[in-house]
Amino acid sequence: MSTIFKKIIDKEIPAYIVYEDDLCLAFLDISQATKGHTLVVPKKEVENIFELDENLGAHLFKVTIRIAKAIKEGLNPTGVNILNNNGISAFQSVMHYHLHIIPRYDLSEIKLEMNNNASILKKEDYQNCMDLIIEKIKEI
């Protein structure tokens, strides 16, 4: 699974690196959805969160928090989105696990929309559906 991120990790192509340690690399996203848009990626080739080791995931999020705080201090955004897409249906475009840190300066910069689909369930089925979801998640 050789991706553009692997080439960045291996220093085969240039990147604007903001952080590096033995386990991960963080660099500015070339698209810069907003000023300071940063990606945090594991050096180990892992396609998505379902293949991610919990210890590595914890480390990546620790680094993400550190970088988000540095972005807040250095660039003064009014907010930040931390995004992670897993699978094509979730808009994952590079099949190497990564976290987006997207500083926000204005509500109109990026449109993120989540629909409320609770109303599509019949009133009497809503509780049963929620109970089933809870049961399936707790099975693990």
N, C-alpha and C. Protein backbone atom coordinates (compact mmCIF):
# COMPACT_ATOMS: atom_id res chain seq x y z
N MET A 1 0.85 -1.18 0.00
CA MET A 1 0.00 0.00 0.00
C MET A 1 0.89 1.24 0.00
N SER A 2 1.40 1.60 -1.12
CA SER A 2 2.23 2.80 -1.18
C SER A 2 1.34 3.98 -1.57
N THR A 3 1.22 4.93 -0.65
CA THR A 3 0.39 6.11 -0.88
C THR A 3 1.26 7.35 -0.92
N ILE A 4 0.65 8.44 -1.24
CA ILE A 4 1.38 9.72 -1.22
C ILE A 4 1.90 10.02 0.19
N PHE A 5 1.16 9.59 1.22
CA PHE A 5 1.62 9.82 2.59
C PHE A 5 2.88 9.00 2.88
N LYS A 6 2.94 7.78 2.39
CA LYS A 6 4.13 6.95 2.58
C LYS A 6 5.34 7.61 1.91
N LYS A 7 5.11 8.20 0.74
CA LYS A 7 6.21 8.89 0.05
C LYS A 7 6.66 10.12 0.83
N ILE A 8 5.73 10.79 1.49
CA ILE A 8 6.09 11.93 2.35
C ILE A 8 6.87 11.44 3.57
N ILE A 9 6.38 10.38 4.19
CA ILE A 9 7.04 9.79 5.36
C ILE A 9 8.47 9.38 5.02
N ASP A 10 8.64 8.78 3.85
CA ASP A 10 9.96 8.31 3.41
C ASP A 10 10.82 9.43 2.82
N LYS A 11 10.29 10.66 2.83
CA LYS A 11 11.00 11.84 2.32
C LYS A 11 11.30 11.72 0.82
N GLU A 12 10.47 10.97 0.10
CA GLU A 12 10.61 10.85 -1.35
C GLU A 12 10.02 12.07 -2.06
N ILE A 13 9.04 12.70 -1.42
CA ILE A 13 8.48 13.94 -1.96
C ILE A 13 8.45 14.96 -0.82
N PRO A 14 8.57 16.23 -1.15
CA PRO A 14 8.63 17.25 -0.09
C PRO A 14 7.28 17.50 0.56
N ALA A 15 7.35 17.97 1.78
CA ALA A 15 6.15 18.35 2.53
C ALA A 15 6.54 19.40 3.55
N TYR A 16 5.56 20.15 4.01
CA TYR A 16 5.76 21.15 5.05
C TYR A 16 5.52 20.47 6.40
N ILE A 17 6.55 19.87 6.94
CA ILE A 17 6.45 19.06 8.16
C ILE A 17 6.46 19.98 9.37
N VAL A 18 5.48 19.77 10.26
CA VAL A 18 5.39 20.55 11.49
C VAL A 18 5.76 19.74 12.72
N TYR A 19 5.77 18.39 12.60
CA TYR A 19 6.09 17.55 13.75
C TYR A 19 6.49 16.17 13.24
N GLU A 20 7.45 15.55 13.94
CA GLU A 20 7.83 14.18 13.61
C GLU A 20 8.39 13.50 14.84
N ASP A 21 8.02 12.24 15.03
CA ASP A 21 8.64 11.39 16.04
C ASP A 21 8.76 9.98 15.45
N ASP A 22 9.07 8.99 16.26
CA ASP A 22 9.28 7.63 15.76
C ASP A 22 8.01 7.00 15.20
N LEU A 23 6.83 7.46 15.67
CA LEU A 23 5.57 6.82 15.30
C LEU A 23 4.73 7.58 14.29
N CYS A 24 4.92 8.89 14.22
CA CYS A 24 4.03 9.67 13.34
C CYS A 24 4.70 10.89 12.75
N LEU A 25 3.99 11.46 11.82
CA LEU A 25 4.44 12.66 11.12
C LEU A 25 3.23 13.57 10.97
N ALA A 26 3.45 14.87 11.11
CA ALA A 26 2.38 15.85 10.89
C ALA A 26 2.90 16.87 9.90
N PHE A 27 2.06 17.20 8.93
CA PHE A 27 2.47 18.14 7.89
C PHE A 27 1.26 18.93 7.41
N LEU A 28 1.54 20.08 6.84
CA LEU A 28 0.47 20.91 6.31
C LEU A 28 -0.17 20.22 5.10
N ASP A 29 -1.51 20.19 5.09
CA ASP A 29 -2.23 19.64 3.94
C ASP A 29 -1.99 20.56 2.75
N ILE A 30 -1.68 19.99 1.61
CA ILE A 30 -1.37 20.78 0.43
C ILE A 30 -2.56 21.62 -0.02
N SER A 31 -3.79 21.17 0.31
CA SER A 31 -4.99 21.91 -0.12
C SER A 31 -5.28 23.12 0.77
N GLN A 32 -4.82 23.11 2.01
CA GLN A 32 -5.07 24.19 2.96
C GLN A 32 -6.53 24.64 2.92
N ALA A 33 -7.44 23.74 3.28
CA ALA A 33 -8.86 24.07 3.35
C ALA A 33 -9.06 25.35 4.14
N THR A 34 -8.26 25.52 5.18
CA THR A 34 -8.15 26.79 5.91
C THR A 34 -6.67 26.95 6.27
N LYS A 35 -6.29 28.15 6.64
CA LYS A 35 -4.89 28.43 6.99
C LYS A 35 -4.47 27.59 8.20
N GLY A 36 -3.49 26.71 8.00
CA GLY A 36 -2.99 25.86 9.07
C GLY A 36 -3.51 24.43 9.02
N HIS A 37 -4.33 24.08 8.03
CA HIS A 37 -4.87 22.73 7.87
C HIS A 37 -3.71 21.73 7.89
N THR A 38 -3.72 20.86 8.89
CA THR A 38 -2.61 19.94 9.14
C THR A 38 -3.10 18.51 9.17
N LEU A 39 -2.27 17.60 8.68
CA LEU A 39 -2.56 16.16 8.74
C LEU A 39 -1.61 15.49 9.71
N VAL A 40 -2.13 14.57 10.50
CA VAL A 40 -1.32 13.76 11.40
C VAL A 40 -1.47 12.31 10.92
N VAL A 41 -0.34 11.68 10.58
CA VAL A 41 -0.38 10.33 10.01
C VAL A 41 0.59 9.41 10.75
N PRO A 42 0.21 8.15 10.90
CA PRO A 42 1.17 7.19 11.47
C PRO A 42 2.22 6.85 10.42
N LYS A 43 3.43 6.60 10.86
CA LYS A 43 4.46 6.17 9.93
C LYS A 43 4.19 4.74 9.45
N LYS A 44 3.59 3.96 10.30
CA LYS A 44 3.19 2.59 9.92
C LYS A 44 2.03 2.69 8.95
N GLU A 45 2.09 1.89 7.89
CA GLU A 45 1.02 1.91 6.89
C GLU A 45 -0.22 1.20 7.43
N VAL A 46 -1.20 1.98 7.79
CA VAL A 46 -2.48 1.50 8.30
C VAL A 46 -3.55 2.18 7.47
N GLU A 47 -4.47 1.40 6.89
CA GLU A 47 -5.43 1.97 5.97
C GLU A 47 -6.50 2.82 6.66
N ASN A 48 -7.03 2.34 7.79
CA ASN A 48 -8.14 3.05 8.42
C ASN A 48 -8.19 2.75 9.91
N ILE A 49 -9.16 3.34 10.57
CA ILE A 49 -9.26 3.20 12.03
C ILE A 49 -9.51 1.75 12.46
N PHE A 50 -10.10 0.96 11.57
CA PHE A 50 -10.40 -0.43 11.90
C PHE A 50 -9.14 -1.28 11.96
N GLU A 51 -8.07 -0.82 11.36
CA GLU A 51 -6.78 -1.52 11.39
C GLU A 51 -5.79 -0.87 12.37
N LEU A 52 -6.20 0.20 12.99
CA LEU A 52 -5.31 0.98 13.85
C LEU A 52 -5.19 0.36 15.23
N ASP A 53 -3.98 0.16 15.69
CA ASP A 53 -3.71 -0.31 17.05
C ASP A 53 -4.10 0.78 18.04
N GLU A 54 -4.72 0.42 19.15
CA GLU A 54 -5.19 1.41 20.13
C GLU A 54 -4.07 2.26 20.70
N ASN A 55 -2.91 1.67 20.93
CA ASN A 55 -1.78 2.46 21.47
C ASN A 55 -1.30 3.49 20.46
N LEU A 56 -1.21 3.09 19.20
CA LEU A 56 -0.80 4.03 18.17
C LEU A 56 -1.87 5.11 18.01
N GLY A 57 -3.14 4.73 18.06
CA GLY A 57 -4.23 5.70 17.98
C GLY A 57 -4.17 6.71 19.11
N ALA A 58 -3.88 6.24 20.32
CA ALA A 58 -3.77 7.14 21.47
C ALA A 58 -2.61 8.13 21.26
N HIS A 59 -1.51 7.62 20.73
CA HIS A 59 -0.36 8.49 20.47
C HIS A 59 -0.70 9.55 19.41
N LEU A 60 -1.36 9.11 18.33
CA LEU A 60 -1.74 10.04 17.27
C LEU A 60 -2.65 11.15 17.81
N PHE A 61 -3.59 10.78 18.66
CA PHE A 61 -4.50 11.79 19.18
C PHE A 61 -3.79 12.72 20.15
N LYS A 62 -2.84 12.19 20.92
CA LYS A 62 -2.04 13.04 21.81
C LYS A 62 -1.27 14.08 21.00
N VAL A 63 -0.68 13.65 19.90
CA VAL A 63 0.04 14.58 19.02
C VAL A 63 -0.93 15.57 18.39
N THR A 64 -2.10 15.10 18.00
CA THR A 64 -3.12 15.97 17.40
C THR A 64 -3.52 17.07 18.37
N ILE A 65 -3.70 16.73 19.63
CA ILE A 65 -4.05 17.73 20.65
C ILE A 65 -2.93 18.76 20.76
N ARG A 66 -1.68 18.30 20.81
CA ARG A 66 -0.54 19.20 20.94
C ARG A 66 -0.47 20.17 19.75
N ILE A 67 -0.67 19.65 18.55
CA ILE A 67 -0.61 20.49 17.36
C ILE A 67 -1.80 21.45 17.30
N ALA A 68 -2.99 20.97 17.66
CA ALA A 68 -4.16 21.85 17.67
C ALA A 68 -3.94 23.03 18.62
N LYS A 69 -3.34 22.77 19.78
CA LYS A 69 -3.04 23.85 20.72
C LYS A 69 -2.02 24.82 20.15
N ALA A 70 -1.02 24.30 19.44
CA ALA A 70 -0.02 25.16 18.81
C ALA A 70 -0.65 26.02 17.72
N ILE A 71 -1.57 25.43 16.95
CA ILE A 71 -2.28 26.18 15.92
C ILE A 71 -3.12 27.28 16.56
N LYS A 72 -3.79 26.95 17.65
CA LYS A 72 -4.61 27.93 18.36
C LYS A 72 -3.75 29.10 18.83
N GLU A 73 -2.60 28.79 19.40
CA GLU A 73 -1.69 29.82 19.90
C GLU A 73 -1.06 30.64 18.77
N GLY A 74 -0.64 29.96 17.71
CA GLY A 74 0.11 30.64 16.66
C GLY A 74 -0.72 31.32 15.59
N LEU A 75 -1.91 30.76 15.29
CA LEU A 75 -2.72 31.29 14.19
C LEU A 75 -4.02 31.94 14.65
N ASN A 76 -4.36 31.75 15.92
CA ASN A 76 -5.53 32.39 16.52
C ASN A 76 -6.87 32.10 15.82
N PRO A 77 -7.15 30.83 15.48
CA PRO A 77 -8.47 30.53 14.93
C PRO A 77 -9.52 30.65 16.03
N THR A 78 -10.76 30.76 15.63
CA THR A 78 -11.85 30.83 16.62
C THR A 78 -12.37 29.44 16.99
N GLY A 79 -11.92 28.41 16.27
CA GLY A 79 -12.30 27.03 16.53
C GLY A 79 -11.44 26.10 15.72
N VAL A 80 -11.70 24.80 15.85
CA VAL A 80 -10.95 23.81 15.09
C VAL A 80 -11.84 22.58 14.89
N ASN A 81 -11.75 22.00 13.71
CA ASN A 81 -12.37 20.70 13.45
C ASN A 81 -11.28 19.65 13.42
N ILE A 82 -11.52 18.53 14.08
CA ILE A 82 -10.67 17.36 13.98
C ILE A 82 -11.49 16.34 13.21
N LEU A 83 -11.04 16.00 12.01
CA LEU A 83 -11.79 15.09 11.15
C LEU A 83 -10.98 13.85 10.84
N ASN A 84 -11.70 12.75 10.69
CA ASN A 84 -11.09 11.48 10.31
C ASN A 84 -12.11 10.73 9.45
N ASN A 85 -11.70 10.36 8.25
CA ASN A 85 -12.58 9.66 7.32
C ASN A 85 -12.07 8.24 7.13
N ASN A 86 -12.96 7.27 7.22
CA ASN A 86 -12.58 5.87 7.13
C ASN A 86 -13.43 5.15 6.10
N GLY A 87 -12.85 4.89 4.94
CA GLY A 87 -13.56 4.22 3.86
C GLY A 87 -14.05 5.22 2.83
N ILE A 88 -14.26 4.72 1.63
CA ILE A 88 -14.68 5.57 0.53
C ILE A 88 -16.01 6.25 0.82
N SER A 89 -16.96 5.53 1.42
CA SER A 89 -18.27 6.13 1.70
C SER A 89 -18.19 7.23 2.75
N ALA A 90 -17.08 7.29 3.48
CA ALA A 90 -16.86 8.35 4.47
C ALA A 90 -15.92 9.41 3.93
N PHE A 91 -15.71 9.42 2.62
CA PHE A 91 -14.87 10.40 1.92
C PHE A 91 -13.38 10.25 2.18
N GLN A 92 -12.92 9.05 2.55
CA GLN A 92 -11.48 8.85 2.67
C GLN A 92 -10.89 8.82 1.26
N SER A 93 -9.96 9.70 0.98
CA SER A 93 -9.39 9.78 -0.36
C SER A 93 -7.98 9.21 -0.44
N VAL A 94 -7.26 9.19 0.67
CA VAL A 94 -5.94 8.56 0.72
C VAL A 94 -6.07 7.39 1.69
N MET A 95 -5.78 6.19 1.22
CA MET A 95 -6.00 5.00 2.03
C MET A 95 -4.82 4.72 2.97
N HIS A 96 -4.50 5.74 3.72
CA HIS A 96 -3.50 5.68 4.79
C HIS A 96 -4.12 6.51 5.92
N TYR A 97 -4.35 5.88 7.06
CA TYR A 97 -5.04 6.55 8.16
C TYR A 97 -4.45 7.93 8.43
N HIS A 98 -5.32 8.91 8.65
CA HIS A 98 -4.84 10.26 8.98
C HIS A 98 -5.94 11.06 9.67
N LEU A 99 -5.49 12.00 10.46
CA LEU A 99 -6.38 12.94 11.14
C LEU A 99 -6.16 14.32 10.54
N HIS A 100 -7.27 15.00 10.26
CA HIS A 100 -7.21 16.38 9.78
C HIS A 100 -7.38 17.32 10.98
N ILE A 101 -6.53 18.30 11.10
CA ILE A 101 -6.73 19.40 12.04
C ILE A 101 -7.04 20.61 11.16
N ILE A 102 -8.27 21.08 11.24
CA ILE A 102 -8.70 22.18 10.37
C ILE A 102 -9.08 23.38 11.23
N PRO A 103 -8.19 24.37 11.30
CA PRO A 103 -8.52 25.58 12.05
C PRO A 103 -9.71 26.28 11.40
N ARG A 104 -10.55 26.88 12.24
CA ARG A 104 -11.72 27.59 11.72
C ARG A 104 -11.64 29.05 12.12
N TYR A 105 -11.87 29.91 11.14
CA TYR A 105 -11.83 31.34 11.34
C TYR A 105 -13.18 31.98 11.07
N ASP A 106 -14.02 31.25 10.34
CA ASP A 106 -15.30 31.79 9.89
C ASP A 106 -16.23 30.61 9.58
N LEU A 107 -17.50 30.74 9.88
CA LEU A 107 -18.45 29.66 9.62
C LEU A 107 -18.61 29.36 8.14
N SER A 108 -18.34 30.31 7.29
CA SER A 108 -18.59 30.11 5.86
C SER A 108 -17.43 29.43 5.12
N GLU A 109 -16.29 29.21 5.79
CA GLU A 109 -15.12 28.63 5.12
C GLU A 109 -15.38 27.21 4.61
N ILE A 110 -15.98 26.40 5.45
CA ILE A 110 -16.22 24.99 5.14
C ILE A 110 -17.64 24.67 5.58
N LYS A 111 -18.33 23.90 4.80
CA LYS A 111 -19.68 23.50 5.16
C LYS A 111 -19.66 22.05 5.60
N LEU A 112 -19.93 21.80 6.86
CA LEU A 112 -20.09 20.46 7.40
C LEU A 112 -21.55 20.32 7.80
N GLU A 113 -22.17 19.29 7.30
CA GLU A 113 -23.60 19.16 7.55
C GLU A 113 -23.92 17.74 8.00
N MET A 114 -24.65 17.63 9.09
CA MET A 114 -25.13 16.34 9.57
C MET A 114 -26.64 16.42 9.67
N ASN A 115 -27.28 15.49 9.01
CA ASN A 115 -28.74 15.48 9.01
C ASN A 115 -29.28 14.78 10.25
N ASN A 116 -30.42 15.22 10.71
CA ASN A 116 -31.13 14.54 11.79
C ASN A 116 -32.10 13.56 11.14
N ASN A 117 -31.77 12.29 11.17
CA ASN A 117 -32.60 11.27 10.53
C ASN A 117 -33.48 10.51 11.51
N ALA A 118 -33.55 10.99 12.74
CA ALA A 118 -34.38 10.31 13.75
C ALA A 118 -35.84 10.29 13.33
N SER A 119 -36.28 11.28 12.60
CA SER A 119 -37.70 11.37 12.24
C SER A 119 -38.12 10.30 11.23
N ILE A 120 -37.17 9.63 10.59
CA ILE A 120 -37.57 8.60 9.63
C ILE A 120 -38.01 7.31 10.32
N LEU A 121 -37.69 7.18 11.59
CA LEU A 121 -38.15 6.02 12.35
C LEU A 121 -39.55 6.28 12.87
N LYS A 122 -40.36 5.25 12.86
CA LYS A 122 -41.69 5.39 13.46
C LYS A 122 -41.49 5.62 14.95
N LYS A 123 -42.35 6.43 15.52
CA LYS A 123 -42.23 6.80 16.94
C LYS A 123 -42.04 5.57 17.83
N GLU A 124 -42.85 4.54 17.63
CA GLU A 124 -42.77 3.35 18.49
C GLU A 124 -41.52 2.51 18.21
N ASP A 125 -40.90 2.69 17.03
CA ASP A 125 -39.71 1.92 16.70
C ASP A 125 -38.42 2.59 17.16
N TYR A 126 -38.50 3.86 17.48
CA TYR A 126 -37.30 4.62 17.81
C TYR A 126 -36.55 4.00 18.98
N GLN A 127 -37.25 3.74 20.07
CA GLN A 127 -36.60 3.17 21.26
C GLN A 127 -36.02 1.80 20.95
N ASN A 128 -36.76 0.97 20.21
CA ASN A 128 -36.26 -0.36 19.86
C ASN A 128 -34.99 -0.26 19.01
N CYS A 129 -34.97 0.66 18.09
CA CYS A 129 -33.81 0.86 17.23
C CYS A 129 -32.60 1.31 18.06
N MET A 130 -32.81 2.27 18.93
CA MET A 130 -31.71 2.75 19.77
C MET A 130 -31.20 1.64 20.68
N ASP A 131 -32.10 0.86 21.25
CA ASP A 131 -31.70 -0.26 22.10
C ASP A 131 -30.89 -1.29 21.32
N LEU A 132 -31.28 -1.55 20.07
CA LEU A 132 -30.56 -2.50 19.23
C LEU A 132 -29.15 -1.96 18.90
N ILE A 133 -29.05 -0.70 18.62
CA ILE A 133 -27.76 -0.09 18.33
C ILE A 133 -26.84 -0.22 19.55
N ILE A 134 -27.37 0.10 20.72
CA ILE A 134 -26.60 -0.02 21.97
C ILE A 134 -26.13 -1.46 22.15
N GLU A 135 -27.02 -2.42 21.94
CA GLU A 135 -26.69 -3.83 22.11
C GLU A 135 -25.56 -4.25 21.17
N LYS A 136 -25.65 -3.83 19.91
CA LYS A 136 -24.63 -4.21 18.92
C LYS A 136 -23.26 -3.61 19.28
N ILE A 137 -23.25 -2.38 19.75
CA ILE A 137 -21.98 -1.75 20.11
C ILE A 137 -21.39 -2.40 21.35
N LYS A 138 -22.22 -2.72 22.32
CA LYS A 138 -21.73 -3.30 23.57
C LYS A 138 -21.29 -4.75 23.42
N GLU A 139 -21.62 -5.40 22.31
CA GLU A 139 -21.22 -6.80 22.08
C GLU A 139 -19.71 -6.97 22.00
N ILE A 140 -18.99 -5.91 21.70
CA ILE A 140 -17.55 -6.07 21.50
C ILE A 140 -16.77 -6.16 22.79
